[in-house]
Amino acid sequence: MRGLVFLLLVAAASAKVYQRCELATILNDAGMDGYRGTTLADWICLIKWESNYNSSAISGNFDGSTDYGLFQLNSRWWCDDGKTPLSRNGCHVNCTVLLTDNIRPAIVCAKRVVRDYTWLRSWSGWRNYCMGRDLSSYIAGCKL
């Protein structure tokens, strides 16, 4: 348990709250725009409503699992936090890796969610605030 607490403290120390356009540039460079039919605006909207652009965001769920990082990737399905029973760890990462300013592992995992499951519908933030809406404001003014 001490090890997990230490890892969470280290992750929090290197976490970052991104600016919208800064994040849009990073995601664009990582090939997120157009990935499996998604748009860059979809991703920025999703991240806004899931984590408010905060790479250290953590949220508990009713089933005892936890959501981690910018994309709020769930410990039951996508990462191993060492405490969620029967974690599938579909991205083969420790959840603390998703809490730093190195968002490459989070991007790789988010792509896997989209590739292997139901596009962006896996995220309630996207379903509730982004799906079927004009999202152009999420990348407006960004020099991409």
C-alpha atoms as a PDB file:
ATOM      1  CA  MET A   1       0.000   0.000   0.000  1.00  0.00           C
ATOM      2  CA  ARG A   2       2.858   2.403   0.792  1.00  0.00           C
ATOM      3  CA  GLY A   3       4.221   1.796  -2.702  1.00  0.00           C
ATOM      4  CA  LEU A   4       0.899   2.732  -4.295  1.00  0.00           C
ATOM      5  CA  VAL A   5       0.650   5.902  -2.201  1.00  0.00           C
ATOM      6  CA  PHE A   6       4.219   6.817  -3.172  1.00  0.00           C
ATOM      7  CA  LEU A   7       3.477   6.247  -6.870  1.00  0.00           C
ATOM      8  CA  LEU A   8       0.344   8.388  -6.645  1.00  0.00           C
ATOM      9  CA  LEU A   9       2.333  11.197  -4.989  1.00  0.00           C
ATOM     10  CA  VAL A  10       5.042  11.025  -7.659  1.00  0.00           C
ATOM     11  CA  ALA A  11       2.391  11.010 -10.404  1.00  0.00           C
ATOM     12  CA  ALA A  12       0.611  13.993  -8.877  1.00  0.00           C
ATOM     13  CA  ALA A  13       3.901  15.892  -8.663  1.00  0.00           C
ATOM     14  CA  SER A  14       4.413  15.545 -12.422  1.00  0.00           C
ATOM     15  CA  ALA A  15       0.771  16.104 -13.414  1.00  0.00           C
ATOM     16  CA  LYS A  16      -0.433  18.991 -15.504  1.00  0.00           C
ATOM     17  CA  VAL A  17      -3.587  20.928 -16.263  1.00  0.00           C
ATOM     18  CA  TYR A  18      -3.383  21.570 -19.991  1.00  0.00           C
ATOM     19  CA  GLN A  19      -4.579  24.564 -21.927  1.00  0.00           C
ATOM     20  CA  ARG A  20      -7.173  23.646 -24.554  1.00  0.00           C
ATOM     21  CA  CYS A  21      -5.103  24.543 -27.634  1.00  0.00           C
ATOM     22  CA  GLU A  22      -1.918  23.094 -26.174  1.00  0.00           C
ATOM     23  CA  LEU A  23      -3.723  19.792 -25.715  1.00  0.00           C
ATOM     24  CA  ALA A  24      -5.274  19.998 -29.187  1.00  0.00           C
ATOM     25  CA  THR A  25      -1.789  20.345 -30.694  1.00  0.00           C
ATOM     26  CA  ILE A  26      -0.457  17.361 -28.746  1.00  0.00           C
ATOM     27  CA  LEU A  27      -3.421  15.174 -29.698  1.00  0.00           C
ATOM     28  CA  ASN A  28      -3.230  16.275 -33.326  1.00  0.00           C
ATOM     29  CA  ASP A  29       0.466  15.388 -33.447  1.00  0.00           C
ATOM     30  CA  ALA A  30      -0.398  11.983 -31.914  1.00  0.00           C
ATOM     31  CA  GLY A  31      -2.792  11.194 -34.779  1.00  0.00           C
ATOM     32  CA  MET A  32      -6.016  11.577 -32.824  1.00  0.00           C
ATOM     33  CA  ASP A  33      -7.780  13.714 -35.447  1.00  0.00           C
ATOM     34  CA  GLY A  34      -9.567  11.286 -37.727  1.00  0.00           C
ATOM     35  CA  TYR A  35      -8.647   8.233 -35.672  1.00  0.00           C
ATOM     36  CA  ARG A  36     -11.374   5.663 -36.349  1.00  0.00           C
ATOM     37  CA  GLY A  37     -13.791   8.415 -37.362  1.00  0.00           C
ATOM     38  CA  THR A  38     -13.182  10.677 -34.382  1.00  0.00           C
ATOM     39  CA  THR A  39     -12.357  14.345 -34.679  1.00  0.00           C
ATOM     40  CA  LEU A  40      -9.925  16.406 -32.694  1.00  0.00           C
ATOM     41  CA  ALA A  41     -12.902  18.414 -31.414  1.00  0.00           C
ATOM     42  CA  ASP A  42     -14.485  15.168 -30.139  1.00  0.00           C
ATOM     43  CA  TRP A  43     -11.357  14.386 -28.119  1.00  0.00           C
ATOM     44  CA  ILE A  44     -10.985  17.885 -26.690  1.00  0.00           C
ATOM     45  CA  CYS A  45     -14.654  17.979 -25.706  1.00  0.00           C
ATOM     46  CA  LEU A  46     -14.410  14.518 -24.136  1.00  0.00           C
ATOM     47  CA  ILE A  47     -11.341  15.487 -22.097  1.00  0.00           C
ATOM     48  CA  LYS A  48     -12.946  18.781 -21.021  1.00  0.00           C
ATOM     49  CA  TRP A  49     -15.933  16.963 -19.540  1.00  0.00           C
ATOM     50  CA  GLU A  50     -14.075  13.931 -18.208  1.00  0.00           C
ATOM     51  CA  SER A  51     -11.092  15.599 -16.484  1.00  0.00           C
ATOM     52  CA  ASN A  52     -11.220  19.344 -17.215  1.00  0.00           C
ATOM     53  CA  TYR A  53      -7.848  18.942 -18.981  1.00  0.00           C
ATOM     54  CA  ASN A  54      -6.198  17.717 -15.757  1.00  0.00           C
ATOM     55  CA  SER A  55      -3.813  14.798 -16.180  1.00  0.00           C
ATOM     56  CA  SER A  56      -4.008  14.002 -12.450  1.00  0.00           C
ATOM     57  CA  ALA A  57      -7.807  13.715 -12.284  1.00  0.00           C
ATOM     58  CA  ILE A  58      -9.087  10.724 -10.305  1.00  0.00           C
ATOM     59  CA  SER A  59     -12.742   9.759  -9.832  1.00  0.00           C
ATOM     60  CA  GLY A  60     -14.252   6.900  -7.856  1.00  0.00           C
ATOM     61  CA  ASN A  61     -17.161   4.849  -9.175  1.00  0.00           C
ATOM     62  CA  PHE A  62     -20.089   3.061  -7.520  1.00  0.00           C
ATOM     63  CA  ASP A  63     -18.641  -0.358  -8.424  1.00  0.00           C
ATOM     64  CA  GLY A  64     -15.390   0.271  -6.540  1.00  0.00           C
ATOM     65  CA  SER A  65     -13.348   1.017  -9.657  1.00  0.00           C
ATOM     66  CA  THR A  66     -11.563   4.305 -10.272  1.00  0.00           C
ATOM     67  CA  ASP A  67     -11.116   6.494 -13.362  1.00  0.00           C
ATOM     68  CA  TYR A  68      -7.666   7.966 -14.012  1.00  0.00           C
ATOM     69  CA  GLY A  69      -6.115  10.843 -15.947  1.00  0.00           C
ATOM     70  CA  LEU A  70      -7.158  13.050 -18.837  1.00  0.00           C
ATOM     71  CA  PHE A  71      -9.376  10.414 -20.418  1.00  0.00           C
ATOM     72  CA  GLN A  72     -10.618   9.012 -17.077  1.00  0.00           C
ATOM     73  CA  LEU A  73      -9.614   5.478 -18.014  1.00  0.00           C
ATOM     74  CA  ASN A  74     -11.240   2.931 -15.738  1.00  0.00           C
ATOM     75  CA  SER A  75      -9.351   0.548 -13.465  1.00  0.00           C
ATOM     76  CA  ARG A  76     -11.857  -2.255 -14.004  1.00  0.00           C
ATOM     77  CA  TRP A  77     -11.207  -2.359 -17.752  1.00  0.00           C
ATOM     78  CA  TRP A  78      -8.131  -0.408 -18.837  1.00  0.00           C
ATOM     79  CA  CYS A  79      -5.453  -0.135 -16.147  1.00  0.00           C
ATOM     80  CA  ASP A  80      -4.302  -1.828 -12.960  1.00  0.00           C
ATOM     81  CA  ASP A  81      -4.453   0.196  -9.763  1.00  0.00           C
ATOM     82  CA  GLY A  82      -3.720  -2.740  -7.482  1.00  0.00           C
ATOM     83  CA  LYS A  83      -7.028  -2.429  -5.671  1.00  0.00           C
ATOM     84  CA  THR A  84      -9.818  -3.002  -8.194  1.00  0.00           C
ATOM     85  CA  PRO A  85     -10.869  -6.667  -8.078  1.00  0.00           C
ATOM     86  CA  LEU A  86     -10.812  -8.534 -11.378  1.00  0.00           C
ATOM     87  CA  SER A  87      -9.192  -5.704 -13.317  1.00  0.00           C
ATOM     88  CA  ARG A  88      -8.834  -6.628 -16.986  1.00  0.00           C
ATOM     89  CA  ASN A  89      -6.020  -4.100 -17.525  1.00  0.00           C
ATOM     90  CA  GLY A  90      -6.780  -3.940 -21.252  1.00  0.00           C
ATOM     91  CA  CYS A  91      -4.036  -1.376 -21.876  1.00  0.00           C
ATOM     92  CA  HIS A  92      -1.443  -3.275 -19.847  1.00  0.00           C
ATOM     93  CA  VAL A  93      -0.469  -0.255 -17.724  1.00  0.00           C
ATOM     94  CA  ASN A  94      -0.427   0.702 -14.087  1.00  0.00           C
ATOM     95  CA  CYS A  95      -3.074   3.380 -13.517  1.00  0.00           C
ATOM     96  CA  THR A  96      -0.497   5.782 -12.041  1.00  0.00           C
ATOM     97  CA  VAL A  97       1.116   6.028 -15.496  1.00  0.00           C
ATOM     98  CA  LEU A  98      -2.079   7.761 -16.637  1.00  0.00           C
ATOM     99  CA  LEU A  99      -1.700  10.547 -14.065  1.00  0.00           C
ATOM    100  CA  THR A 100       1.446  12.307 -15.295  1.00  0.00           C
ATOM    101  CA  ASP A 101       2.234  15.008 -17.810  1.00  0.00           C
ATOM    102  CA  ASN A 102       3.575  12.288 -20.130  1.00  0.00           C
ATOM    103  CA  ILE A 103       0.229  11.607 -21.755  1.00  0.00           C
ATOM    104  CA  ARG A 104       1.516   9.224 -24.438  1.00  0.00           C
ATOM    105  CA  PRO A 105       0.370   6.079 -22.512  1.00  0.00           C
ATOM    106  CA  ALA A 106      -3.055   7.669 -21.955  1.00  0.00           C
ATOM    107  CA  ILE A 107      -3.351   8.452 -25.675  1.00  0.00           C
ATOM    108  CA  VAL A 108      -2.376   4.907 -26.644  1.00  0.00           C
ATOM    109  CA  CYS A 109      -4.927   3.507 -24.204  1.00  0.00           C
ATOM    110  CA  ALA A 110      -7.709   5.883 -25.338  1.00  0.00           C
ATOM    111  CA  LYS A 111      -7.083   4.768 -28.919  1.00  0.00           C
ATOM    112  CA  ARG A 112      -7.415   1.174 -27.792  1.00  0.00           C
ATOM    113  CA  VAL A 113     -10.789   1.918 -26.176  1.00  0.00           C
ATOM    114  CA  VAL A 114     -12.005   3.435 -29.444  1.00  0.00           C
ATOM    115  CA  ARG A 115     -10.520   0.644 -31.558  1.00  0.00           C
ATOM    116  CA  ASP A 116     -11.778  -2.258 -29.460  1.00  0.00           C
ATOM    117  CA  TYR A 117     -15.119  -0.986 -28.234  1.00  0.00           C
ATOM    118  CA  THR A 118     -17.789   1.508 -29.024  1.00  0.00           C
ATOM    119  CA  TRP A 119     -16.011   4.497 -30.469  1.00  0.00           C
ATOM    120  CA  LEU A 120     -16.374   7.391 -27.977  1.00  0.00           C
ATOM    121  CA  ARG A 121     -19.611   6.102 -26.459  1.00  0.00           C
ATOM    122  CA  SER A 122     -17.613   4.464 -23.660  1.00  0.00           C
ATOM    123  CA  TRP A 123     -17.210   7.909 -22.073  1.00  0.00           C
ATOM    124  CA  SER A 124     -20.254   9.413 -20.372  1.00  0.00           C
ATOM    125  CA  GLY A 125     -18.739  12.897 -20.657  1.00  0.00           C
ATOM    126  CA  TRP A 126     -18.707  12.568 -24.432  1.00  0.00           C
ATOM    127  CA  ARG A 127     -22.209  11.055 -24.582  1.00  0.00           C
ATOM    128  CA  ASN A 128     -23.708  13.719 -22.319  1.00  0.00           C
ATOM    129  CA  TYR A 129     -21.951  16.864 -23.548  1.00  0.00           C
ATOM    130  CA  CYS A 130     -20.429  16.254 -26.972  1.00  0.00           C
ATOM    131  CA  MET A 131     -22.360  13.653 -28.977  1.00  0.00           C
ATOM    132  CA  GLY A 132     -24.447  15.196 -31.754  1.00  0.00           C
ATOM    133  CA  ARG A 133     -23.358  18.748 -30.969  1.00  0.00           C
ATOM    134  CA  ASP A 134     -21.366  21.366 -32.857  1.00  0.00           C
ATOM    135  CA  LEU A 135     -17.921  20.996 -31.286  1.00  0.00           C
ATOM    136  CA  SER A 136     -16.064  23.542 -33.398  1.00  0.00           C
ATOM    137  CA  SER A 137     -15.587  25.831 -30.372  1.00  0.00           C
ATOM    138  CA  TYR A 138     -13.356  23.211 -28.742  1.00  0.00           C
ATOM    139  CA  ILE A 139     -10.615  23.764 -31.309  1.00  0.00           C
ATOM    140  CA  ALA A 140     -11.491  27.343 -32.349  1.00  0.00           C
ATOM    141  CA  GLY A 141      -8.467  29.627 -32.291  1.00  0.00           C
ATOM    142  CA  CYS A 142      -6.003  26.765 -32.066  1.00  0.00           C
ATOM    143  CA  LYS A 143      -3.253  26.948 -34.670  1.00  0.00           C
ATOM    144  CA  LEU A 144      -3.225  23.401 -35.967  1.00  0.00           C
END
